[in-house]
Amino acid sequence: RSGLVFLQAALGAFAARIFVGFFFIRMFHDSGCLSIYEW
């Protein structure tokens, strides 16, 4: 219908992986939680 315009959002998602990987993941994993909402 509209071409590759959605790839702009996919690029934002790629950047988000780096953000989450460095600011969230260690915190959740090392807390020992079974659910991240326990944090």
Full PDB file with SEQRES, HELIX, SHEET, SSBOND, CRYST1, ORIGX, SCALE, CONECT and MASTER records, all heavy atoms in Angstrom:
SEQRES   1 A   39  ARG SER GLY LEU VAL PHE LEU GLN ALA ALA LEU GLY ALA          
SEQRES   2 A   39  PHE ALA ALA ARG ILE PHE VAL GLY PHE PHE PHE ILE ARG          
SEQRES   3 A   39  MET PHE HIS ASP SER GLY CYS LEU SER ILE TYR GLU TRP          
HELIX    1 AA1 LEU A    4  PHE A    6  5                                   3    
HELIX    2 AA2 LEU A    7  PHE A   23  1                                  17    
HELIX    3 AA3 ILE A   25  ASP A   30  1                                   6    
HELIX    4 AA4 ILE A   36  GLU A   38  5                                   3    
CRYST1    1.000    1.000    1.000  90.00  90.00  90.00 P 1           1          
ORIGX1      1.000000  0.000000  0.000000        0.00000                         
ORIGX2      0.000000  1.000000  0.000000        0.00000                         
ORIGX3      0.000000  0.000000  1.000000        0.00000                         
SCALE1      1.000000  0.000000  0.000000        0.00000                         
SCALE2      0.000000  1.000000  0.000000        0.00000                         
SCALE3      0.000000  0.000000  1.000000        0.00000                         
ATOM      1  N   ARG A   1       0.811  -1.212   0.000  1.00  0.00           N  
ATOM      2  CA  ARG A   1       0.000   0.000   0.000  1.00  0.00           C  
ATOM      3  C   ARG A   1       0.845   1.263   0.000  1.00  0.00           C  
ATOM      4  O   ARG A   1       0.579   2.204  -0.751  1.00  0.00           O  
ATOM      5  CB  ARG A   1      -0.923  -0.002   1.223  1.00  0.00           C  
ATOM      6  CG  ARG A   1      -1.800   1.215   1.376  1.00  0.00           C  
ATOM      7  CD  ARG A   1      -2.824   1.050   2.486  1.00  0.00           C  
ATOM      8  NE  ARG A   1      -2.206   0.693   3.754  1.00  0.00           N  
ATOM      9  CZ  ARG A   1      -2.404  -0.474   4.371  1.00  0.00           C  
ATOM     10  NH1 ARG A   1      -3.178  -1.394   3.828  1.00  0.00           N  
ATOM     11  NH2 ARG A   1      -1.829  -0.730   5.528  1.00  0.00           N  
ATOM     12  N   SER A   2       1.900   1.299   0.830  1.00  0.00           N  
ATOM     13  CA  SER A   2       2.611   2.584   1.020  1.00  0.00           C  
ATOM     14  C   SER A   2       4.125   2.476   0.980  1.00  0.00           C  
ATOM     15  O   SER A   2       4.803   3.463   1.246  1.00  0.00           O  
ATOM     16  CB  SER A   2       2.182   3.215   2.348  1.00  0.00           C  
ATOM     17  OG  SER A   2       2.417   2.332   3.417  1.00  0.00           O  
ATOM     18  N   GLY A   3       4.683   1.302   0.692  1.00  0.00           N  
ATOM     19  CA  GLY A   3       6.130   1.192   0.559  1.00  0.00           C  
ATOM     20  C   GLY A   3       6.827   0.860   1.873  1.00  0.00           C  
ATOM     21  O   GLY A   3       6.247   0.255   2.769  1.00  0.00           O  
ATOM     22  N   LEU A   4       8.068   1.299   1.974  1.00  0.00           N  
ATOM     23  CA  LEU A   4       8.927   0.915   3.092  1.00  0.00           C  
ATOM     24  C   LEU A   4       8.871   1.884   4.265  1.00  0.00           C  
ATOM     25  O   LEU A   4       9.769   1.893   5.111  1.00  0.00           O  
ATOM     26  CB  LEU A   4      10.381   0.799   2.611  1.00  0.00           C  
ATOM     27  CG  LEU A   4      10.660  -0.184   1.479  1.00  0.00           C  
ATOM     28  CD1 LEU A   4      12.161  -0.255   1.183  1.00  0.00           C  
ATOM     29  CD2 LEU A   4      10.132  -1.575   1.816  1.00  0.00           C  
ATOM     30  N   VAL A   5       7.820   2.683   4.345  1.00  0.00           N  
ATOM     31  CA  VAL A   5       7.744   3.711   5.383  1.00  0.00           C  
ATOM     32  C   VAL A   5       7.815   3.104   6.784  1.00  0.00           C  
ATOM     33  O   VAL A   5       8.350   3.727   7.721  1.00  0.00           O  
ATOM     34  CB  VAL A   5       6.455   4.547   5.199  1.00  0.00           C  
ATOM     35  CG1 VAL A   5       5.219   3.687   5.363  1.00  0.00           C  
ATOM     36  CG2 VAL A   5       6.411   5.713   6.156  1.00  0.00           C  
ATOM     37  N   PHE A   6       7.309   1.879   6.955  1.00  0.00           N  
ATOM     38  CA  PHE A   6       7.326   1.250   8.277  1.00  0.00           C  
ATOM     39  C   PHE A   6       8.739   0.998   8.783  1.00  0.00           C  
ATOM     40  O   PHE A   6       8.961   0.882   9.997  1.00  0.00           O  
ATOM     41  CB  PHE A   6       6.554  -0.076   8.240  1.00  0.00           C  
ATOM     42  CG  PHE A   6       6.540  -0.801   9.560  1.00  0.00           C  
ATOM     43  CD1 PHE A   6       5.745  -0.359  10.605  1.00  0.00           C  
ATOM     44  CD2 PHE A   6       7.342  -1.911   9.771  1.00  0.00           C  
ATOM     45  CE1 PHE A   6       5.746  -1.012  11.825  1.00  0.00           C  
ATOM     46  CE2 PHE A   6       7.344  -2.580  10.990  1.00  0.00           C  
ATOM     47  CZ  PHE A   6       6.537  -2.127  12.019  1.00  0.00           C  
ATOM     48  N   LEU A   7       9.708   0.950   7.863  1.00  0.00           N  
ATOM     49  CA  LEU A   7      11.083   0.687   8.271  1.00  0.00           C  
ATOM     50  C   LEU A   7      11.617   1.796   9.185  1.00  0.00           C  
ATOM     51  O   LEU A   7      12.549   1.566   9.963  1.00  0.00           O  
ATOM     52  CB  LEU A   7      11.976   0.544   7.034  1.00  0.00           C  
ATOM     53  CG  LEU A   7      13.264  -0.268   7.193  1.00  0.00           C  
ATOM     54  CD1 LEU A   7      12.984  -1.651   7.739  1.00  0.00           C  
ATOM     55  CD2 LEU A   7      14.000  -0.367   5.864  1.00  0.00           C  
ATOM     56  N   GLN A   8      11.037   2.987   9.111  1.00  0.00           N  
ATOM     57  CA  GLN A   8      11.435   4.064  10.029  1.00  0.00           C  
ATOM     58  C   GLN A   8      11.144   3.666  11.473  1.00  0.00           C  
ATOM     59  O   GLN A   8      11.962   3.912  12.369  1.00  0.00           O  
ATOM     60  CB  GLN A   8      10.691   5.355   9.678  1.00  0.00           C  
ATOM     61  CG  GLN A   8      11.000   5.878   8.284  1.00  0.00           C  
ATOM     62  CD  GLN A   8      10.132   7.071   7.918  1.00  0.00           C  
ATOM     63  OE1 GLN A   8      10.617   8.143   7.579  1.00  0.00           O  
ATOM     64  NE2 GLN A   8       8.822   6.892   7.985  1.00  0.00           N  
ATOM     65  N   ALA A   9       9.985   3.059  11.698  1.00  0.00           N  
ATOM     66  CA  ALA A   9       9.645   2.581  13.039  1.00  0.00           C  
ATOM     67  C   ALA A   9      10.563   1.438  13.454  1.00  0.00           C  
ATOM     68  O   ALA A   9      10.950   1.330  14.620  1.00  0.00           O  
ATOM     69  CB  ALA A   9       8.185   2.142  13.087  1.00  0.00           C  
ATOM     70  N   ALA A  10      10.923   0.565  12.500  1.00  0.00           N  
ATOM     71  CA  ALA A  10      11.814  -0.553  12.807  1.00  0.00           C  
ATOM     72  C   ALA A  10      13.200  -0.053  13.227  1.00  0.00           C  
ATOM     73  O   ALA A  10      13.854  -0.660  14.083  1.00  0.00           O  
ATOM     74  CB  ALA A  10      11.926  -1.476  11.598  1.00  0.00           C  
ATOM     75  N   LEU A  11      13.642   1.049  12.648  1.00  0.00           N  
ATOM     76  CA  LEU A  11      14.927   1.633  13.058  1.00  0.00           C  
ATOM     77  C   LEU A  11      14.836   2.171  14.483  1.00  0.00           C  
ATOM     78  O   LEU A  11      15.783   2.051  15.267  1.00  0.00           O  
ATOM     79  CB  LEU A  11      15.329   2.753  12.088  1.00  0.00           C  
ATOM     80  CG  LEU A  11      15.731   2.300  10.683  1.00  0.00           C  
ATOM     81  CD1 LEU A  11      15.862   3.505   9.763  1.00  0.00           C  
ATOM     82  CD2 LEU A  11      17.044   1.526  10.723  1.00  0.00           C  
ATOM     83  N   GLY A  12      13.700   2.764  14.834  1.00  0.00           N  
ATOM     84  CA  GLY A  12      13.501   3.211  16.209  1.00  0.00           C  
ATOM     85  C   GLY A  12      13.516   2.043  17.173  1.00  0.00           C  
ATOM     86  O   GLY A  12      14.071   2.129  18.278  1.00  0.00           O  
ATOM     87  N   ALA A  13      12.941   0.905  16.758  1.00  0.00           N  
ATOM     88  CA  ALA A  13      12.947  -0.288  17.601  1.00  0.00           C  
ATOM     89  C   ALA A  13      14.362  -0.819  17.800  1.00  0.00           C  
ATOM     90  O   ALA A  13      14.709  -1.318  18.877  1.00  0.00           O  
ATOM     91  CB  ALA A  13      12.060  -1.367  16.972  1.00  0.00           C  
ATOM     92  N   PHE A  14      15.193  -0.719  16.783  1.00  0.00           N  
ATOM     93  CA  PHE A  14      16.587  -1.159  16.911  1.00  0.00           C  
ATOM     94  C   PHE A  14      17.321  -0.312  17.952  1.00  0.00           C  
ATOM     95  O   PHE A  14      18.060  -0.833  18.800  1.00  0.00           O  
ATOM     96  CB  PHE A  14      17.298  -1.054  15.555  1.00  0.00           C  
ATOM     97  CG  PHE A  14      18.721  -1.525  15.576  1.00  0.00           C  
ATOM     98  CD1 PHE A  14      19.019  -2.872  15.473  1.00  0.00           C  
ATOM     99  CD2 PHE A  14      19.766  -0.617  15.708  1.00  0.00           C  
ATOM    100  CE1 PHE A  14      20.337  -3.312  15.496  1.00  0.00           C  
ATOM    101  CE2 PHE A  14      21.080  -1.043  15.733  1.00  0.00           C  
ATOM    102  CZ  PHE A  14      21.358  -2.406  15.628  1.00  0.00           C  
ATOM    103  N   ALA A  15      17.104   1.010  17.912  1.00  0.00           N  
ATOM    104  CA  ALA A  15      17.729   1.898  18.899  1.00  0.00           C  
ATOM    105  C   ALA A  15      17.225   1.589  20.304  1.00  0.00           C  
ATOM    106  O   ALA A  15      17.984   1.657  21.286  1.00  0.00           O  
ATOM    107  CB  ALA A  15      17.443   3.354  18.537  1.00  0.00           C  
ATOM    108  N   ALA A  16      15.950   1.221  20.421  1.00  0.00           N  
ATOM    109  CA  ALA A  16      15.379   0.914  21.734  1.00  0.00           C  
ATOM    110  C   ALA A  16      16.031  -0.309  22.359  1.00  0.00           C  
ATOM    111  O   ALA A  16      16.157  -0.396  23.585  1.00  0.00           O  
ATOM    112  CB  ALA A  16      13.875   0.701  21.606  1.00  0.00           C  
ATOM    113  N   ARG A  17      16.454  -1.263  21.543  1.00  0.00           N  
ATOM    114  CA  ARG A  17      17.117  -2.458  22.073  1.00  0.00           C  
ATOM    115  C   ARG A  17      18.396  -2.082  22.827  1.00  0.00           C  
ATOM    116  O   ARG A  17      18.699  -2.654  23.878  1.00  0.00           O  
ATOM    117  CB  ARG A  17      17.464  -3.418  20.932  1.00  0.00           C  
ATOM    118  CG  ARG A  17      16.312  -4.248  20.451  1.00  0.00           C  
ATOM    119  CD  ARG A  17      16.720  -5.084  19.242  1.00  0.00           C  
ATOM    120  NE  ARG A  17      15.819  -6.192  19.033  1.00  0.00           N  
ATOM    121  CZ  ARG A  17      14.638  -6.114  18.467  1.00  0.00           C  
ATOM    122  NH1 ARG A  17      14.210  -4.940  18.037  1.00  0.00           N  
ATOM    123  NH2 ARG A  17      13.874  -7.179  18.321  1.00  0.00           N  
ATOM    124  N   ILE A  18      19.138  -1.168  22.288  1.00  0.00           N  
ATOM    125  CA  ILE A  18      20.375  -0.732  22.946  1.00  0.00           C  
ATOM    126  C   ILE A  18      20.041  -0.030  24.258  1.00  0.00           C  
ATOM    127  O   ILE A  18      20.659  -0.279  25.300  1.00  0.00           O  
ATOM    128  CB  ILE A  18      21.170   0.201  22.009  1.00  0.00           C  
ATOM    129  CG1 ILE A  18      21.529  -0.558  20.719  1.00  0.00           C  
ATOM    130  CG2 ILE A  18      22.424   0.719  22.693  1.00  0.00           C  
ATOM    131  CD1 ILE A  18      22.156   0.304  19.653  1.00  0.00           C  
ATOM    132  N   PHE A  19      19.019   0.826  24.225  1.00  0.00           N  
ATOM    133  CA  PHE A  19      18.587   1.549  25.423  1.00  0.00           C  
ATOM    134  C   PHE A  19      18.159   0.577  26.521  1.00  0.00           C  
ATOM    135  O   PHE A  19      18.615   0.651  27.665  1.00  0.00           O  
ATOM    136  CB  PHE A  19      17.445   2.490  25.044  1.00  0.00           C  
ATOM    137  CG  PHE A  19      16.771   3.153  26.211  1.00  0.00           C  
ATOM    138  CD1 PHE A  19      17.348   4.238  26.846  1.00  0.00           C  
ATOM    139  CD2 PHE A  19      15.546   2.680  26.675  1.00  0.00           C  
ATOM    140  CE1 PHE A  19      16.725   4.848  27.922  1.00  0.00           C  
ATOM    141  CE2 PHE A  19      14.917   3.280  27.745  1.00  0.00           C  
ATOM    142  CZ  PHE A  19      15.509   4.366  28.374  1.00  0.00           C  
ATOM    143  N   VAL A  20      17.293  -0.368  26.180  1.00  0.00           N  
ATOM    144  CA  VAL A  20      16.784  -1.328  27.160  1.00  0.00           C  
ATOM    145  C   VAL A  20      17.905  -2.246  27.636  1.00  0.00           C  
ATOM    146  O   VAL A  20      18.009  -2.556  28.831  1.00  0.00           O  
ATOM    147  CB  VAL A  20      15.635  -2.155  26.550  1.00  0.00           C  
ATOM    148  CG1 VAL A  20      15.245  -3.308  27.471  1.00  0.00           C  
ATOM    149  CG2 VAL A  20      14.427  -1.265  26.296  1.00  0.00           C  
ATOM    150  N   GLY A  21      18.757  -2.674  26.714  1.00  0.00           N  
ATOM    151  CA  GLY A  21      19.840  -3.574  27.077  1.00  0.00           C  
ATOM    152  C   GLY A  21      20.779  -2.998  28.122  1.00  0.00           C  
ATOM    153  O   GLY A  21      21.253  -3.723  29.013  1.00  0.00           O  
ATOM    154  N   PHE A  22      21.023  -1.697  28.064  1.00  0.00           N  
ATOM    155  CA  PHE A  22      21.989  -1.094  28.976  1.00  0.00           C  
ATOM    156  C   PHE A  22      21.365  -0.453  30.211  1.00  0.00           C  
ATOM    157  O   PHE A  22      22.059  -0.235  31.202  1.00  0.00           O  
ATOM    158  CB  PHE A  22      22.828  -0.053  28.224  1.00  0.00           C  
ATOM    159  CG  PHE A  22      23.899  -0.674  27.369  1.00  0.00           C  
ATOM    160  CD1 PHE A  22      23.652  -0.994  26.048  1.00  0.00           C  
ATOM    161  CD2 PHE A  22      25.139  -0.989  27.896  1.00  0.00           C  
ATOM    162  CE1 PHE A  22      24.623  -1.589  25.261  1.00  0.00           C  
ATOM    163  CE2 PHE A  22      26.126  -1.584  27.126  1.00  0.00           C  
ATOM    164  CZ  PHE A  22      25.865  -1.883  25.798  1.00  0.00           C  
ATOM    165  N   PHE A  23      20.054  -0.174  30.191  1.00  0.00           N  
ATOM    166  CA  PHE A  23      19.454   0.501  31.340  1.00  0.00           C  
ATOM    167  C   PHE A  23      18.466  -0.352  32.124  1.00  0.00           C  
ATOM    168  O   PHE A  23      18.203  -0.069  33.286  1.00  0.00           O  
ATOM    169  CB  PHE A  23      18.748   1.785  30.890  1.00  0.00           C  
ATOM    170  CG  PHE A  23      19.694   2.887  30.493  1.00  0.00           C  
ATOM    171  CD1 PHE A  23      19.910   3.171  29.160  1.00  0.00           C  
ATOM    172  CD2 PHE A  23      20.383   3.613  31.453  1.00  0.00           C  
ATOM    173  CE1 PHE A  23      20.784   4.180  28.785  1.00  0.00           C  
ATOM    174  CE2 PHE A  23      21.267   4.623  31.085  1.00  0.00           C  
ATOM    175  CZ  PHE A  23      21.468   4.905  29.740  1.00  0.00           C  
ATOM    176  N   PHE A  24      17.908  -1.411  31.497  1.00  0.00           N  
ATOM    177  CA  PHE A  24      16.864  -2.175  32.169  1.00  0.00           C  
ATOM    178  C   PHE A  24      17.259  -3.608  32.508  1.00  0.00           C  
ATOM    179  O   PHE A  24      16.938  -4.094  33.593  1.00  0.00           O  
ATOM    180  CB  PHE A  24      15.607  -2.228  31.284  1.00  0.00           C  
ATOM    181  CG  PHE A  24      14.783  -0.969  31.282  1.00  0.00           C  
ATOM    182  CD1 PHE A  24      15.364   0.284  31.328  1.00  0.00           C  
ATOM    183  CD2 PHE A  24      13.405  -1.033  31.212  1.00  0.00           C  
ATOM    184  CE1 PHE A  24      14.609   1.444  31.307  1.00  0.00           C  
ATOM    185  CE2 PHE A  24      12.630   0.108  31.181  1.00  0.00           C  
ATOM    186  CZ  PHE A  24      13.236   1.350  31.234  1.00  0.00           C  
ATOM    187  N   ILE A  25      17.927  -4.285  31.580  1.00  0.00           N  
ATOM    188  CA  ILE A  25      18.066  -5.737  31.670  1.00  0.00           C  
ATOM    189  C   ILE A  25      18.837  -6.182  32.914  1.00  0.00           C  
ATOM    190  O   ILE A  25      18.398  -7.087  33.648  1.00  0.00           O  
ATOM    191  CB  ILE A  25      18.731  -6.298  30.402  1.00  0.00           C  
ATOM    192  CG1 ILE A  25      17.821  -6.054  29.189  1.00  0.00           C  
ATOM    193  CG2 ILE A  25      19.018  -7.788  30.559  1.00  0.00           C  
ATOM    194  CD1 ILE A  25      16.438  -6.658  29.323  1.00  0.00           C  
ATOM    195  N   ARG A  26      19.985  -5.598  33.177  1.00  0.00           N  
ATOM    196  CA  ARG A  26      20.770  -6.013  34.347  1.00  0.00           C  
ATOM    197  C   ARG A  26      19.975  -5.837  35.625  1.00  0.00           C  
ATOM    198  O   ARG A  26      19.997  -6.702  36.514  1.00  0.00           O  
ATOM    199  CB  ARG A  26      22.075  -5.205  34.422  1.00  0.00           C  
ATOM    200  CG  ARG A  26      22.926  -5.550  35.654  1.00  0.00           C  
ATOM    201  CD  ARG A  26      24.191  -4.715  35.693  1.00  0.00           C  
ATOM    202  NE  ARG A  26      23.905  -3.304  35.801  1.00  0.00           N  
ATOM    203  CZ  ARG A  26      23.636  -2.682  36.953  1.00  0.00           C  
ATOM    204  NH1 ARG A  26      23.580  -3.372  38.084  1.00  0.00           N  
ATOM    205  NH2 ARG A  26      23.399  -1.389  36.971  1.00  0.00           N  
ATOM    206  N   MET A  27      19.245  -4.736  35.700  1.00  0.00           N  
ATOM    207  CA  MET A  27      18.455  -4.430  36.883  1.00  0.00           C  
ATOM    208  C   MET A  27      17.404  -5.516  37.143  1.00  0.00           C  
ATOM    209  O   MET A  27      17.253  -6.003  38.263  1.00  0.00           O  
ATOM    210  CB  MET A  27      17.790  -3.075  36.657  1.00  0.00           C  
ATOM    211  CG  MET A  27      16.855  -2.603  37.714  1.00  0.00           C  
ATOM    212  SD  MET A  27      16.223  -0.990  37.236  1.00  0.00           S  
ATOM    213  CE  MET A  27      15.355  -1.376  35.727  1.00  0.00           C  
ATOM    214  N   PHE A  28      16.701  -5.930  36.082  1.00  0.00           N  
ATOM    215  CA  PHE A  28      15.664  -6.944  36.250  1.00  0.00           C  
ATOM    216  C   PHE A  28      16.268  -8.309  36.550  1.00  0.00           C  
ATOM    217  O   PHE A  28      15.821  -9.013  37.453  1.00  0.00           O  
ATOM    218  CB  PHE A  28      14.808  -7.041  34.983  1.00  0.00           C  
ATOM    219  CG  PHE A  28      14.007  -5.809  34.685  1.00  0.00           C  
ATOM    220  CD1 PHE A  28      13.644  -5.499  33.384  1.00  0.00           C  
ATOM    221  CD2 PHE A  28      13.602  -4.952  35.694  1.00  0.00           C  
ATOM    222  CE1 PHE A  28      12.906  -4.366  33.095  1.00  0.00           C  
ATOM    223  CE2 PHE A  28      12.862  -3.817  35.420  1.00  0.00           C  
ATOM    224  CZ  PHE A  28      12.515  -3.526  34.107  1.00  0.00           C  
ATOM    225  N   HIS A  29      17.262  -8.700  35.774  1.00  0.00           N  
ATOM    226  CA  HIS A  29      17.822 -10.045  35.899  1.00  0.00           C  
ATOM    227  C   HIS A  29      18.492 -10.234  37.256  1.00  0.00           C  
ATOM    228  O   HIS A  29      18.294 -11.261  37.923  1.00  0.00           O  
ATOM    229  CB  HIS A  29      18.818 -10.300  34.771  1.00  0.00           C  
ATOM    230  CG  HIS A  29      19.195 -11.733  34.605  1.00  0.00           C  
ATOM    231  ND1 HIS A  29      20.094 -12.367  35.433  1.00  0.00           N  
ATOM    232  CD2 HIS A  29      18.794 -12.669  33.713  1.00  0.00           C  
ATOM    233  CE1 HIS A  29      20.233 -13.618  35.068  1.00  0.00           C  
ATOM    234  NE2 HIS A  29      19.450 -13.837  34.017  1.00  0.00           N  
ATOM    235  N   ASP A  30      19.272  -9.252  37.666  1.00  0.00           N  
ATOM    236  CA  ASP A  30      20.014  -9.401  38.917  1.00  0.00           C  
ATOM    237  C   ASP A  30      19.135  -9.280  40.159  1.00  0.00           C  
ATOM    238  O   ASP A  30      19.560  -9.643  41.254  1.00  0.00           O  
ATOM    239  CB  ASP A  30      21.140  -8.358  38.983  1.00  0.00           C  
ATOM    240  CG  ASP A  30      22.222  -8.621  37.948  1.00  0.00           C  
ATOM    241  OD1 ASP A  30      22.170  -9.691  37.306  1.00  0.00           O  
ATOM    242  OD2 ASP A  30      23.111  -7.765  37.770  1.00  0.00           O  
ATOM    243  N   SER A  31      17.906  -8.786  39.996  1.00  0.00           N  
ATOM    244  CA  SER A  31      17.004  -8.667  41.150  1.00  0.00           C  
ATOM    245  C   SER A  31      16.442 -10.026  41.573  1.00  0.00           C  
ATOM    246  O   SER A  31      15.917 -10.154  42.674  1.00  0.00           O  
ATOM    247  CB  SER A  31      15.841  -7.727  40.812  1.00  0.00           C  
ATOM    248  OG  SER A  31      14.954  -8.330  39.884  1.00  0.00           O  
ATOM    249  N   GLY A  32      16.548 -11.017  40.681  1.00  0.00           N  
ATOM    250  CA  GLY A  32      16.017 -12.336  40.996  1.00  0.00           C  
ATOM    251  C   GLY A  32      14.514 -12.440  40.872  1.00  0.00           C  
ATOM    252  O   GLY A  32      13.917 -13.422  41.333  1.00  0.00           O  
ATOM    253  N   CYS A  33      13.863 -11.468  40.240  1.00  0.00           N  
ATOM    254  CA  CYS A  33      12.412 -11.469  40.109  1.00  0.00           C  
ATOM    255  C   CYS A  33      11.953 -12.523  39.100  1.00  0.00           C  
ATOM    256  O   CYS A  33      12.630 -12.790  38.113  1.00  0.00           O  
ATOM    257  CB  CYS A  33      11.920 -10.101  39.639  1.00  0.00           C  
ATOM    258  SG  CYS A  33      12.207  -8.763  40.822  1.00  0.00           S  
ATOM    259  N   LEU A  34      10.787 -13.101  39.351  1.00  0.00           N  
ATOM    260  CA  LEU A  34      10.151 -13.977  38.369  1.00  0.00           C  
ATOM    261  C   LEU A  34       9.331 -13.177  37.372  1.00  0.00           C  
ATOM    262  O   LEU A  34       9.088 -13.626  36.255  1.00  0.00           O  
ATOM    263  CB  LEU A  34       9.244 -14.996  39.066  1.00  0.00           C  
ATOM    264  CG  LEU A  34       9.910 -15.954  40.058  1.00  0.00           C  
ATOM    265  CD1 LEU A  34       8.883 -16.920  40.625  1.00  0.00           C  
ATOM    266  CD2 LEU A  34      11.056 -16.698  39.407  1.00  0.00           C  
ATOM    267  N   SER A  35       8.896 -12.010  37.783  1.00  0.00           N  
ATOM    268  CA  SER A  35       8.167 -11.086  36.926  1.00  0.00           C  
ATOM    269  C   SER A  35       8.806  -9.710  37.095  1.00  0.00           C  
ATOM    270  O   SER A  35       9.143  -9.308  38.213  1.00  0.00           O  
ATOM    271  CB  SER A  35       6.690 -11.037  37.322  1.00  0.00           C  
ATOM    272  OG  SER A  35       6.068  -9.861  36.837  1.00  0.00           O  
ATOM    273  N   ILE A  36       8.959  -8.979  35.990  1.00  0.00           N  
ATOM    274  CA  ILE A  36       9.595  -7.661  36.090  1.00  0.00           C  
ATOM    275  C   ILE A  36       8.771  -6.695  36.923  1.00  0.00           C  
ATOM    276  O   ILE A  36       9.302  -5.704  37.439  1.00  0.00           O  
ATOM    277  CB  ILE A  36       9.869  -7.059  34.692  1.00  0.00           C  
ATOM    278  CG1 ILE A  36       8.557  -6.924  33.891  1.00  0.00           C  
ATOM    279  CG2 ILE A  36      10.880  -7.898  33.937  1.00  0.00           C  
ATOM    280  CD1 ILE A  36       8.732  -6.200  32.579  1.00  0.00           C  
ATOM    281  N   TYR A  37       7.488  -6.975  37.102  1.00  0.00           N  
ATOM    282  CA  TYR A  37       6.649  -6.068  37.883  1.00  0.00           C  
ATOM    283  C   TYR A  37       6.915  -6.205  39.384  1.00  0.00           C  
ATOM    284  O   TYR A  37       6.539  -5.319  40.159  1.00  0.00           O  
ATOM    285  CB  TYR A  37       5.175  -6.305  37.542  1.00  0.00           C  
ATOM    286  CG  TYR A  37       4.984  -6.308  36.051  1.00  0.00           C  
ATOM    287  CD1 TYR A  37       4.553  -7.451  35.385  1.00  0.00           C  
ATOM    288  CD2 TYR A  37       5.321  -5.197  35.280  1.00  0.00           C  
ATOM    289  CE1 TYR A  37       4.438  -7.475  34.010  1.00  0.00           C  
ATOM    290  CE2 TYR A  37       5.204  -5.210  33.905  1.00  0.00           C  
ATOM    291  CZ  TYR A  37       4.763  -6.359  33.273  1.00  0.00           C  
ATOM    292  OH  TYR A  37       4.671  -6.382  31.911  1.00  0.00           O  
ATOM    293  N   GLU A  38       7.562  -7.297  39.782  1.00  0.00           N  
ATOM    294  CA  GLU A  38       8.006  -7.413  41.169  1.00  0.00           C  
ATOM    295  C   GLU A  38       9.053  -6.350  41.491  1.00  0.00           C  
ATOM    296  O   GLU A  38       9.170  -5.911  42.635  1.00  0.00           O  
ATOM    297  CB  GLU A  38       8.570  -8.806  41.427  1.00  0.00           C  
ATOM    298  CG  GLU A  38       7.522  -9.908  41.442  1.00  0.00           C  
ATOM    299  CD  GLU A  38       8.116 -11.261  41.795  1.00  0.00           C  
ATOM    300  OE1 GLU A  38       9.045 -11.720  41.079  1.00  0.00           O  
ATOM    301  OE2 GLU A  38       7.671 -11.859  42.792  1.00  0.00           O  
ATOM    302  N   TRP A  39       9.832  -5.963  40.488  1.00  0.00           N  
ATOM    303  CA  TRP A  39      10.815  -4.894  40.709  1.00  0.00           C  
ATOM    304  C   TRP A  39      10.105  -3.596  41.080  1.00  0.00           C  
ATOM    305  O   TRP A  39      10.569  -2.852  41.963  1.00  0.00           O  
ATOM    306  CB  TRP A  39      11.678  -4.692  39.460  1.00  0.00           C  
ATOM    307  CG  TRP A  39      12.743  -3.670  39.654  1.00  0.00           C  
ATOM    308  CD1 TRP A  39      13.995  -3.860  40.146  1.00  0.00           C  
ATOM    309  CD2 TRP A  39      12.628  -2.255  39.375  1.00  0.00           C  
ATOM    310  NE1 TRP A  39      14.680  -2.673  40.194  1.00  0.00           N  
ATOM    311  CE2 TRP A  39      13.864  -1.673  39.725  1.00  0.00           C  
ATOM    312  CE3 TRP A  39      11.633  -1.439  38.874  1.00  0.00           C  
ATOM    313  CZ2 TRP A  39      14.116  -0.306  39.586  1.00  0.00           C  
ATOM    314  CZ3 TRP A  39      11.873  -0.078  38.734  1.00  0.00           C  
ATOM    315  CH2 TRP A  39      13.099   0.465  39.082  1.00  0.00           C  
TER     316      TRP A  39                                                      
MASTER        0    0    0    4    0    0    0    6  315    1    0    3          
END                                                                             
